[in-house]
All heavy atoms as atom14 arrays in JSON, in Angstrom:
{
  "sequence": "DAGGGAEDGTVPPGGVAADVGHRAELFQAQGMVMVQLGVSIGEALAR",
  "atom14_mask": [
    [1, 1, 1, 1, 1, 1, 1, 1, 0, 0, 0, 0, 0, 0],
    [1, 1, 1, 1, 1, 0, 0, 0, 0, 0, 0, 0, 0, 0],
    [1, 1, 1, 1, 0, 0, 0, 0, 0, 0, 0, 0, 0, 0],
    [1, 1, 1, 1, 0, 0, 0, 0, 0, 0, 0, 0, 0, 0],
    [1, 1, 1, 1, 0, 0, 0, 0, 0, 0, 0, 0, 0, 0],
    [1, 1, 1, 1, 1, 0, 0, 0, 0, 0, 0, 0, 0, 0],
    [1, 1, 1, 1, 1, 1, 1, 1, 1, 0, 0, 0, 0, 0],
    [1, 1, 1, 1, 1, 1, 1, 1, 0, 0, 0, 0, 0, 0],
    [1, 1, 1, 1, 0, 0, 0, 0, 0, 0, 0, 0, 0, 0],
    [1, 1, 1, 1, 1, 1, 1, 0, 0, 0, 0, 0, 0, 0],
    [1, 1, 1, 1, 1, 1, 1, 0, 0, 0, 0, 0, 0, 0],
    [1, 1, 1, 1, 1, 1, 1, 0, 0, 0, 0, 0, 0, 0],
    [1, 1, 1, 1, 1, 1, 1, 0, 0, 0, 0, 0, 0, 0],
    [1, 1, 1, 1, 0, 0, 0, 0, 0, 0, 0, 0, 0, 0],
    [1, 1, 1, 1, 0, 0, 0, 0, 0, 0, 0, 0, 0, 0],
    [1, 1, 1, 1, 1, 1, 1, 0, 0, 0, 0, 0, 0, 0],
    [1, 1, 1, 1, 1, 0, 0, 0, 0, 0, 0, 0, 0, 0],
    [1, 1, 1, 1, 1, 0, 0, 0, 0, 0, 0, 0, 0, 0],
    [1, 1, 1, 1, 1, 1, 1, 1, 0, 0, 0, 0, 0, 0],
    [1, 1, 1, 1, 1, 1, 1, 0, 0, 0, 0, 0, 0, 0],
    [1, 1, 1, 1, 0, 0, 0, 0, 0, 0, 0, 0, 0, 0],
    [1, 1, 1, 1, 1, 1, 1, 1, 1, 1, 0, 0, 0, 0],
    [1, 1, 1, 1, 1, 1, 1, 1, 1, 1, 1, 0, 0, 0],
    [1, 1, 1, 1, 1, 0, 0, 0, 0, 0, 0, 0, 0, 0],
    [1, 1, 1, 1, 1, 1, 1, 1, 1, 0, 0, 0, 0, 0],
    [1, 1, 1, 1, 1, 1, 1, 1, 0, 0, 0, 0, 0, 0],
    [1, 1, 1, 1, 1, 1, 1, 1, 1, 1, 1, 0, 0, 0],
    [1, 1, 1, 1, 1, 1, 1, 1, 1, 0, 0, 0, 0, 0],
    [1, 1, 1, 1, 1, 0, 0, 0, 0, 0, 0, 0, 0, 0],
    [1, 1, 1, 1, 1, 1, 1, 1, 1, 0, 0, 0, 0, 0],
    [1, 1, 1, 1, 0, 0, 0, 0, 0, 0, 0, 0, 0, 0],
    [1, 1, 1, 1, 1, 1, 1, 1, 0, 0, 0, 0, 0, 0],
    [1, 1, 1, 1, 1, 1, 1, 0, 0, 0, 0, 0, 0, 0],
    [1, 1, 1, 1, 1, 1, 1, 1, 0, 0, 0, 0, 0, 0],
    [1, 1, 1, 1, 1, 1, 1, 0, 0, 0, 0, 0, 0, 0],
    [1, 1, 1, 1, 1, 1, 1, 1, 1, 0, 0, 0, 0, 0],
    [1, 1, 1, 1, 1, 1, 1, 1, 0, 0, 0, 0, 0, 0],
    [1, 1, 1, 1, 0, 0, 0, 0, 0, 0, 0, 0, 0, 0],
    [1, 1, 1, 1, 1, 1, 1, 0, 0, 0, 0, 0, 0, 0],
    [1, 1, 1, 1, 1, 1, 0, 0, 0, 0, 0, 0, 0, 0],
    [1, 1, 1, 1, 1, 1, 1, 1, 0, 0, 0, 0, 0, 0],
    [1, 1, 1, 1, 0, 0, 0, 0, 0, 0, 0, 0, 0, 0],
    [1, 1, 1, 1, 1, 1, 1, 1, 1, 0, 0, 0, 0, 0],
    [1, 1, 1, 1, 1, 0, 0, 0, 0, 0, 0, 0, 0, 0],
    [1, 1, 1, 1, 1, 1, 1, 1, 0, 0, 0, 0, 0, 0],
    [1, 1, 1, 1, 1, 0, 0, 0, 0, 0, 0, 0, 0, 0],
    [1, 1, 1, 1, 1, 1, 1, 1, 1, 1, 1, 0, 0, 0]
  ],
  "atom14_positions": [
    [[-10.44, -16.79, 6.88], [-11.16, -17.21, 5.66], [-10.24, -17.47, 4.48], [-10.35, -18.27, 3.57], [-12.38, -16.39, 5.21], [-13.47, -16.46, 6.14], [-13.47, -17.24, 7.17], [-14.33, -15.49, 6.14], [0.0, 0.0, 0.0], [0.0, 0.0, 0.0], [0.0, 0.0, 0.0], [0.0, 0.0, 0.0], [0.0, 0.0, 0.0], [0.0, 0.0, 0.0]],
    [[-9.14, -16.58, 4.42], [-8.07, -16.73, 3.32], [-7.17, -17.66, 3.6], [-6.17, -17.9, 2.68], [-7.48, -15.41, 3.08], [0.0, 0.0, 0.0], [0.0, 0.0, 0.0], [0.0, 0.0, 0.0], [0.0, 0.0, 0.0], [0.0, 0.0, 0.0], [0.0, 0.0, 0.0], [0.0, 0.0, 0.0], [0.0, 0.0, 0.0], [0.0, 0.0, 0.0]],
    [[-7.29, -18.29, 4.71], [-6.21, -19.39, 5.13], [-5.03, -18.91, 5.83], [-4.13, -19.66, 5.93], [0.0, 0.0, 0.0], [0.0, 0.0, 0.0], [0.0, 0.0, 0.0], [0.0, 0.0, 0.0], [0.0, 0.0, 0.0], [0.0, 0.0, 0.0], [0.0, 0.0, 0.0], [0.0, 0.0, 0.0], [0.0, 0.0, 0.0], [0.0, 0.0, 0.0]],
    [[-4.99, -17.81, 6.31], [-3.91, -17.17, 7.09], [-4.13, -17.11, 8.45], [-5.32, -17.03, 9.0], [0.0, 0.0, 0.0], [0.0, 0.0, 0.0], [0.0, 0.0, 0.0], [0.0, 0.0, 0.0], [0.0, 0.0, 0.0], [0.0, 0.0, 0.0], [0.0, 0.0, 0.0], [0.0, 0.0, 0.0], [0.0, 0.0, 0.0], [0.0, 0.0, 0.0]],
    [[-2.94, -17.14, 9.26], [-3.13, -16.95, 10.78], [-2.58, -15.62, 11.16], [-1.73, -14.94, 10.52], [0.0, 0.0, 0.0], [0.0, 0.0, 0.0], [0.0, 0.0, 0.0], [0.0, 0.0, 0.0], [0.0, 0.0, 0.0], [0.0, 0.0, 0.0], [0.0, 0.0, 0.0], [0.0, 0.0, 0.0], [0.0, 0.0, 0.0], [0.0, 0.0, 0.0]],
    [[-2.98, -15.12, 12.24], [-2.59, -13.85, 12.7], [-2.04, -13.76, 14.19], [-1.86, -12.73, 14.73], [-3.61, -12.71, 12.57], [0.0, 0.0, 0.0], [0.0, 0.0, 0.0], [0.0, 0.0, 0.0], [0.0, 0.0, 0.0], [0.0, 0.0, 0.0], [0.0, 0.0, 0.0], [0.0, 0.0, 0.0], [0.0, 0.0, 0.0], [0.0, 0.0, 0.0]],
    [[-1.84, -15.0, 14.69], [-1.52, -15.13, 16.16], [-0.19, -14.53, 16.46], [0.15, -14.15, 17.52], [-1.3, -16.54, 16.5], [-2.75, -17.13, 16.57], [-3.21, -17.65, 15.26], [-2.61, -17.52, 14.31], [-4.49, -18.08, 15.33], [0.0, 0.0, 0.0], [0.0, 0.0, 0.0], [0.0, 0.0, 0.0], [0.0, 0.0, 0.0], [0.0, 0.0, 0.0]],
    [[0.73, -14.42, 15.39], [2.13, -13.88, 15.77], [2.19, -12.28, 15.34], [3.25, -11.8, 15.44], [3.07, -14.62, 14.75], [2.84, -14.47, 13.38], [1.81, -13.88, 12.96], [3.76, -14.88, 12.47], [0.0, 0.0, 0.0], [0.0, 0.0, 0.0], [0.0, 0.0, 0.0], [0.0, 0.0, 0.0], [0.0, 0.0, 0.0], [0.0, 0.0, 0.0]],
    [[1.04, -11.83, 15.06], [0.98, -10.28, 14.87], [1.3, -9.97, 13.42], [1.58, -8.74, 13.08], [0.0, 0.0, 0.0], [0.0, 0.0, 0.0], [0.0, 0.0, 0.0], [0.0, 0.0, 0.0], [0.0, 0.0, 0.0], [0.0, 0.0, 0.0], [0.0, 0.0, 0.0], [0.0, 0.0, 0.0], [0.0, 0.0, 0.0], [0.0, 0.0, 0.0]],
    [[1.54, -10.84, 12.45], [1.82, -10.55, 11.14], [0.55, -10.68, 10.24], [-0.46, -11.15, 10.59], [2.89, -11.59, 10.57], [2.21, -12.82, 10.53], [4.11, -11.45, 11.36], [0.0, 0.0, 0.0], [0.0, 0.0, 0.0], [0.0, 0.0, 0.0], [0.0, 0.0, 0.0], [0.0, 0.0, 0.0], [0.0, 0.0, 0.0], [0.0, 0.0, 0.0]],
    [[0.68, -9.89, 9.08], [-0.5, -10.05, 8.19], [-0.15, -11.03, 7.12], [0.83, -10.82, 6.32], [-0.67, -8.63, 7.51], [-1.76, -8.67, 6.46], [-1.13, -7.52, 8.53], [0.0, 0.0, 0.0], [0.0, 0.0, 0.0], [0.0, 0.0, 0.0], [0.0, 0.0, 0.0], [0.0, 0.0, 0.0], [0.0, 0.0, 0.0], [0.0, 0.0, 0.0]],
    [[-0.88, -12.18, 6.96], [-0.48, -13.3, 6.0], [-0.81, -12.83, 4.57], [-1.69, -11.89, 4.35], [-1.38, -14.31, 6.42], [-2.59, -13.69, 7.08], [-2.21, -12.44, 7.65], [0.0, 0.0, 0.0], [0.0, 0.0, 0.0], [0.0, 0.0, 0.0], [0.0, 0.0, 0.0], [0.0, 0.0, 0.0], [0.0, 0.0, 0.0], [0.0, 0.0, 0.0]],
    [[-0.27, -13.52, 3.64], [-0.61, -13.37, 2.26], [-1.98, -13.64, 2.08], [-2.62, -14.4, 2.7], [0.27, -14.44, 1.45], [1.31, -14.78, 2.42], [0.79, -14.68, 3.88], [0.0, 0.0, 0.0], [0.0, 0.0, 0.0], [0.0, 0.0, 0.0], [0.0, 0.0, 0.0], [0.0, 0.0, 0.0], [0.0, 0.0, 0.0], [0.0, 0.0, 0.0]],
    [[-2.6, -13.02, 0.93], [-4.06, -13.09, 0.69], [-4.9, -12.31, 1.71], [-4.41, -11.6, 2.51], [0.0, 0.0, 0.0], [0.0, 0.0, 0.0], [0.0, 0.0, 0.0], [0.0, 0.0, 0.0], [0.0, 0.0, 0.0], [0.0, 0.0, 0.0], [0.0, 0.0, 0.0], [0.0, 0.0, 0.0], [0.0, 0.0, 0.0], [0.0, 0.0, 0.0]],
    [[-6.26, -12.44, 1.55], [-7.13, -11.71, 2.42], [-6.82, -10.23, 2.43], [-6.89, -9.56, 1.49], [0.0, 0.0, 0.0], [0.0, 0.0, 0.0], [0.0, 0.0, 0.0], [0.0, 0.0, 0.0], [0.0, 0.0, 0.0], [0.0, 0.0, 0.0], [0.0, 0.0, 0.0], [0.0, 0.0, 0.0], [0.0, 0.0, 0.0], [0.0, 0.0, 0.0]],
    [[-6.5, -9.83, 3.69], [-6.34, -8.32, 3.9], [-5.05, -7.82, 3.16], [-5.16, -6.79, 2.5], [-6.16, -8.12, 5.49], [-5.79, -6.65, 5.71], [-7.29, -8.5, 6.13], [0.0, 0.0, 0.0], [0.0, 0.0, 0.0], [0.0, 0.0, 0.0], [0.0, 0.0, 0.0], [0.0, 0.0, 0.0], [0.0, 0.0, 0.0], [0.0, 0.0, 0.0]],
    [[-4.09, -8.66, 3.19], [-2.87, -8.27, 2.46], [-3.1, -8.05, 0.91], [-2.63, -7.11, 0.39], [-1.72, -9.24, 2.73], [0.0, 0.0, 0.0], [0.0, 0.0, 0.0], [0.0, 0.0, 0.0], [0.0, 0.0, 0.0], [0.0, 0.0, 0.0], [0.0, 0.0, 0.0], [0.0, 0.0, 0.0], [0.0, 0.0, 0.0], [0.0, 0.0, 0.0]],
    [[-3.93, -8.9, 0.39], [-4.09, -8.94, -1.0], [-5.0, -7.72, -1.46], [-4.64, -6.95, -2.33], [-4.76, -10.27, -1.52], [0.0, 0.0, 0.0], [0.0, 0.0, 0.0], [0.0, 0.0, 0.0], [0.0, 0.0, 0.0], [0.0, 0.0, 0.0], [0.0, 0.0, 0.0], [0.0, 0.0, 0.0], [0.0, 0.0, 0.0], [0.0, 0.0, 0.0]],
    [[-5.94, -7.4, -0.57], [-6.95, -6.33, -0.9], [-6.39, -4.99, -0.41], [-6.73, -3.97, -0.98], [-8.32, -6.53, -0.34], [-9.11, -7.56, -0.96], [-8.73, -7.94, -2.31], [-9.96, -8.21, -0.29], [0.0, 0.0, 0.0], [0.0, 0.0, 0.0], [0.0, 0.0, 0.0], [0.0, 0.0, 0.0], [0.0, 0.0, 0.0], [0.0, 0.0, 0.0]],
    [[-5.71, -4.95, 0.6], [-5.23, -3.66, 1.22], [-3.82, -3.39, 1.21], [-3.44, -2.24, 0.83], [-5.62, -3.71, 2.83], [-5.1, -2.52, 3.46], [-7.18, -3.81, 2.84], [0.0, 0.0, 0.0], [0.0, 0.0, 0.0], [0.0, 0.0, 0.0], [0.0, 0.0, 0.0], [0.0, 0.0, 0.0], [0.0, 0.0, 0.0], [0.0, 0.0, 0.0]],
    [[-3.02, -4.38, 1.15], [-1.47, -4.12, 1.19], [-1.01, -3.45, -0.02], [-0.25, -2.47, 0.06], [0.0, 0.0, 0.0], [0.0, 0.0, 0.0], [0.0, 0.0, 0.0], [0.0, 0.0, 0.0], [0.0, 0.0, 0.0], [0.0, 0.0, 0.0], [0.0, 0.0, 0.0], [0.0, 0.0, 0.0], [0.0, 0.0, 0.0], [0.0, 0.0, 0.0]],
    [[-1.45, -3.96, -1.24], [-0.95, -3.37, -2.42], [-1.47, -1.88, -2.59], [-0.75, -1.05, -3.04], [-1.46, -4.2, -3.75], [-0.93, -5.52, -3.76], [0.26, -5.76, -3.37], [-1.55, -6.77, -4.0], [0.51, -7.17, -3.55], [-0.47, -7.66, -3.87], [0.0, 0.0, 0.0], [0.0, 0.0, 0.0], [0.0, 0.0, 0.0], [0.0, 0.0, 0.0]],
    [[-2.66, -1.67, -2.18], [-3.2, -0.27, -2.16], [-2.46, 0.59, -1.24], [-2.03, 1.69, -1.55], [-4.64, -0.34, -1.77], [-5.42, 1.07, -1.74], [-6.91, 0.87, -1.54], [-7.53, 2.15, -1.2], [-7.92, 3.03, -2.14], [-7.71, 2.84, -3.39], [-8.45, 4.21, -1.68], [0.0, 0.0, 0.0], [0.0, 0.0, 0.0], [0.0, 0.0, 0.0]],
    [[-2.07, 0.06, 0.01], [-1.23, 0.99, 0.94], [0.1, 1.3, 0.32], [0.58, 2.2, 0.41], [-1.11, 0.1, 2.25], [0.0, 0.0, 0.0], [0.0, 0.0, 0.0], [0.0, 0.0, 0.0], [0.0, 0.0, 0.0], [0.0, 0.0, 0.0], [0.0, 0.0, 0.0], [0.0, 0.0, 0.0], [0.0, 0.0, 0.0], [0.0, 0.0, 0.0]],
    [[0.68, 0.3, -0.5], [1.96, 0.36, -1.03], [1.86, 1.43, -2.09], [2.81, 2.34, -2.26], [2.54, -0.93, -1.56], [3.98, -0.85, -1.94], [4.43, -2.32, -2.13], [3.72, -3.04, -2.9], [5.45, -2.71, -1.61], [0.0, 0.0, 0.0], [0.0, 0.0, 0.0], [0.0, 0.0, 0.0], [0.0, 0.0, 0.0], [0.0, 0.0, 0.0]],
    [[0.84, 1.48, -2.88], [0.69, 2.56, -3.81], [0.41, 3.95, -3.32], [1.12, 4.8, -3.73], [-0.57, 2.25, -4.79], [-0.91, 3.22, -5.78], [0.25, 3.46, -6.82], [-2.09, 2.86, -6.6], [0.0, 0.0, 0.0], [0.0, 0.0, 0.0], [0.0, 0.0, 0.0], [0.0, 0.0, 0.0], [0.0, 0.0, 0.0], [0.0, 0.0, 0.0]],
    [[-0.21, 4.11, -2.23], [-0.37, 5.43, -1.56], [0.97, 5.88, -0.92], [1.34, 6.93, -1.11], [-1.34, 5.27, -0.38], [-2.8, 5.55, -0.81], [-3.84, 4.48, -0.88], [-3.25, 6.85, -1.13], [-4.96, 4.72, -1.12], [-4.53, 7.05, -1.56], [-5.45, 6.05, -1.59], [0.0, 0.0, 0.0], [0.0, 0.0, 0.0], [0.0, 0.0, 0.0]],
    [[1.72, 4.9, -0.51], [2.97, 5.26, 0.09], [4.04, 5.67, -1.08], [4.66, 6.71, -0.95], [3.74, 4.1, 0.7], [4.96, 4.43, 1.5], [5.52, 3.24, 2.25], [4.78, 2.15, 2.38], [6.66, 3.37, 2.79], [0.0, 0.0, 0.0], [0.0, 0.0, 0.0], [0.0, 0.0, 0.0], [0.0, 0.0, 0.0], [0.0, 0.0, 0.0]],
    [[3.88, 5.1, -2.25], [4.65, 5.37, -3.42], [4.28, 6.77, -3.85], [5.15, 7.56, -4.23], [4.51, 4.37, -4.54], [0.0, 0.0, 0.0], [0.0, 0.0, 0.0], [0.0, 0.0, 0.0], [0.0, 0.0, 0.0], [0.0, 0.0, 0.0], [0.0, 0.0, 0.0], [0.0, 0.0, 0.0], [0.0, 0.0, 0.0], [0.0, 0.0, 0.0]],
    [[2.94, 7.19, -3.88], [2.51, 8.44, -4.26], [3.08, 9.5, -3.37], [3.57, 10.55, -3.88], [0.93, 8.51, -4.14], [0.14, 7.88, -5.2], [-1.32, 7.92, -5.04], [-2.03, 7.05, -4.56], [-1.88, 9.09, -5.12], [0.0, 0.0, 0.0], [0.0, 0.0, 0.0], [0.0, 0.0, 0.0], [0.0, 0.0, 0.0], [0.0, 0.0, 0.0]],
    [[3.14, 9.28, -2.16], [3.64, 10.31, -1.23], [5.1, 10.5, -1.45], [5.59, 11.63, -1.42], [0.0, 0.0, 0.0], [0.0, 0.0, 0.0], [0.0, 0.0, 0.0], [0.0, 0.0, 0.0], [0.0, 0.0, 0.0], [0.0, 0.0, 0.0], [0.0, 0.0, 0.0], [0.0, 0.0, 0.0], [0.0, 0.0, 0.0], [0.0, 0.0, 0.0]],
    [[5.88, 9.5, -1.71], [7.33, 9.6, -2.01], [7.67, 10.37, -3.25], [8.51, 11.22, -3.31], [7.96, 8.14, -2.06], [7.95, 7.35, -0.71], [8.51, 5.68, -0.74], [10.27, 5.9, -1.09], [0.0, 0.0, 0.0], [0.0, 0.0, 0.0], [0.0, 0.0, 0.0], [0.0, 0.0, 0.0], [0.0, 0.0, 0.0], [0.0, 0.0, 0.0]],
    [[6.79, 10.07, -4.37], [7.1, 10.78, -5.49], [6.51, 12.25, -5.32], [7.22, 13.15, -6.01], [6.23, 10.05, -6.7], [6.18, 10.93, -7.93], [6.83, 8.76, -6.97], [0.0, 0.0, 0.0], [0.0, 0.0, 0.0], [0.0, 0.0, 0.0], [0.0, 0.0, 0.0], [0.0, 0.0, 0.0], [0.0, 0.0, 0.0], [0.0, 0.0, 0.0]],
    [[5.63, 12.52, -4.63], [5.06, 13.83, -4.4], [6.11, 14.73, -3.82], [6.4, 15.72, -4.2], [3.86, 13.87, -3.41], [3.27, 15.19, -3.15], [1.82, 15.2, -2.05], [2.71, 15.03, -0.46], [0.0, 0.0, 0.0], [0.0, 0.0, 0.0], [0.0, 0.0, 0.0], [0.0, 0.0, 0.0], [0.0, 0.0, 0.0], [0.0, 0.0, 0.0]],
    [[6.89, 14.13, -2.74], [7.99, 14.75, -2.24], [9.25, 15.0, -3.03], [9.79, 16.1, -3.16], [8.44, 14.1, -0.95], [9.7, 14.67, -0.23], [7.23, 14.17, 0.15], [0.0, 0.0, 0.0], [0.0, 0.0, 0.0], [0.0, 0.0, 0.0], [0.0, 0.0, 0.0], [0.0, 0.0, 0.0], [0.0, 0.0, 0.0], [0.0, 0.0, 0.0]],
    [[9.48, 13.87, -3.72], [10.67, 13.84, -4.77], [10.44, 14.98, -5.81], [11.5, 15.7, -6.11], [10.79, 12.6, -5.49], [11.27, 11.47, -4.41], [11.22, 10.1, -5.1], [10.99, 9.99, -6.32], [11.42, 9.02, -4.35], [0.0, 0.0, 0.0], [0.0, 0.0, 0.0], [0.0, 0.0, 0.0], [0.0, 0.0, 0.0], [0.0, 0.0, 0.0]],
    [[9.3, 15.12, -6.31], [9.12, 16.06, -7.46], [8.47, 17.41, -7.06], [8.33, 18.28, -7.89], [8.18, 15.39, -8.54], [8.74, 14.14, -9.14], [7.79, 13.49, -10.16], [10.15, 14.37, -9.8], [0.0, 0.0, 0.0], [0.0, 0.0, 0.0], [0.0, 0.0, 0.0], [0.0, 0.0, 0.0], [0.0, 0.0, 0.0], [0.0, 0.0, 0.0]],
    [[8.03, 17.52, -5.8], [7.32, 18.73, -5.3], [6.06, 18.94, -6.08], [5.72, 20.11, -6.35], [0.0, 0.0, 0.0], [0.0, 0.0, 0.0], [0.0, 0.0, 0.0], [0.0, 0.0, 0.0], [0.0, 0.0, 0.0], [0.0, 0.0, 0.0], [0.0, 0.0, 0.0], [0.0, 0.0, 0.0], [0.0, 0.0, 0.0], [0.0, 0.0, 0.0]],
    [[5.17, 17.83, -6.23], [3.92, 18.16, -7.02], [2.81, 17.65, -6.11], [3.05, 17.19, -4.93], [3.9, 17.26, -8.27], [5.03, 17.7, -9.31], [4.18, 15.73, -7.98], [0.0, 0.0, 0.0], [0.0, 0.0, 0.0], [0.0, 0.0, 0.0], [0.0, 0.0, 0.0], [0.0, 0.0, 0.0], [0.0, 0.0, 0.0], [0.0, 0.0, 0.0]],
    [[1.56, 17.77, -6.53], [0.44, 17.31, -5.68], [0.38, 15.71, -5.7], [1.04, 15.18, -6.49], [-0.86, 17.85, -6.31], [-1.1, 17.25, -7.6], [0.0, 0.0, 0.0], [0.0, 0.0, 0.0], [0.0, 0.0, 0.0], [0.0, 0.0, 0.0], [0.0, 0.0, 0.0], [0.0, 0.0, 0.0], [0.0, 0.0, 0.0], [0.0, 0.0, 0.0]],
    [[-0.53, 15.27, -4.69], [-0.62, 13.8, -4.67], [-1.28, 13.24, -5.94], [-0.89, 12.26, -6.43], [-1.41, 13.56, -3.37], [-1.17, 12.02, -2.98], [-2.83, 13.83, -3.56], [0.03, 11.7, -2.46], [0.0, 0.0, 0.0], [0.0, 0.0, 0.0], [0.0, 0.0, 0.0], [0.0, 0.0, 0.0], [0.0, 0.0, 0.0], [0.0, 0.0, 0.0]],
    [[-2.19, 13.98, -6.44], [-2.84, 13.56, -7.77], [-1.88, 13.64, -8.95], [-1.81, 12.58, -9.69], [0.0, 0.0, 0.0], [0.0, 0.0, 0.0], [0.0, 0.0, 0.0], [0.0, 0.0, 0.0], [0.0, 0.0, 0.0], [0.0, 0.0, 0.0], [0.0, 0.0, 0.0], [0.0, 0.0, 0.0], [0.0, 0.0, 0.0], [0.0, 0.0, 0.0]],
    [[-1.02, 14.61, -8.95], [0.0, 14.6, -10.04], [1.07, 13.54, -9.91], [1.51, 12.87, -10.82], [0.75, 16.03, -10.07], [2.0, 16.08, -11.06], [1.51, 15.98, -12.54], [0.24, 16.19, -12.69], [2.44, 15.78, -13.36], [0.0, 0.0, 0.0], [0.0, 0.0, 0.0], [0.0, 0.0, 0.0], [0.0, 0.0, 0.0], [0.0, 0.0, 0.0]],
    [[1.33, 13.12, -8.6], [2.35, 12.06, -8.36], [1.75, 10.75, -8.88], [2.45, 9.96, -9.53], [2.45, 11.96, -6.82], [0.0, 0.0, 0.0], [0.0, 0.0, 0.0], [0.0, 0.0, 0.0], [0.0, 0.0, 0.0], [0.0, 0.0, 0.0], [0.0, 0.0, 0.0], [0.0, 0.0, 0.0], [0.0, 0.0, 0.0], [0.0, 0.0, 0.0]],
    [[0.39, 10.46, -8.68], [-0.1, 9.3, -9.09], [-0.25, 9.32, -10.63], [0.13, 8.3, -11.35], [-1.69, 9.24, -8.63], [-2.36, 7.88, -9.18], [-1.6, 6.64, -8.75], [-3.74, 7.88, -8.57], [0.0, 0.0, 0.0], [0.0, 0.0, 0.0], [0.0, 0.0, 0.0], [0.0, 0.0, 0.0], [0.0, 0.0, 0.0], [0.0, 0.0, 0.0]],
    [[-0.5, 10.37, -11.31], [-0.39, 10.45, -12.76], [0.97, 10.04, -13.28], [1.06, 9.5, -14.31], [-0.93, 11.83, -13.19], [0.0, 0.0, 0.0], [0.0, 0.0, 0.0], [0.0, 0.0, 0.0], [0.0, 0.0, 0.0], [0.0, 0.0, 0.0], [0.0, 0.0, 0.0], [0.0, 0.0, 0.0], [0.0, 0.0, 0.0], [0.0, 0.0, 0.0]],
    [[2.01, 10.6, -12.66], [3.37, 10.36, -13.13], [3.67, 8.85, -12.97], [4.24, 8.29, -13.81], [4.35, 11.16, -12.27], [4.28, 12.61, -12.36], [4.75, 13.18, -13.6], [4.85, 14.59, -13.61], [5.97, 15.35, -13.45], [7.03, 14.68, -13.17], [5.86, 16.6, -13.45], [0.0, 0.0, 0.0], [0.0, 0.0, 0.0], [0.0, 0.0, 0.0]]
  ]
}
């Protein structure tokens, strides 16, 4: 519906990537900062 194809196994721009991809990237960043600073996941997001 967003105009992307998935036959090649990739996630196209828009649609799922727009709604989900950025959120996934933020969660991944939280985890990395949590490890870097030795803080909780909530504190990592606050930082």
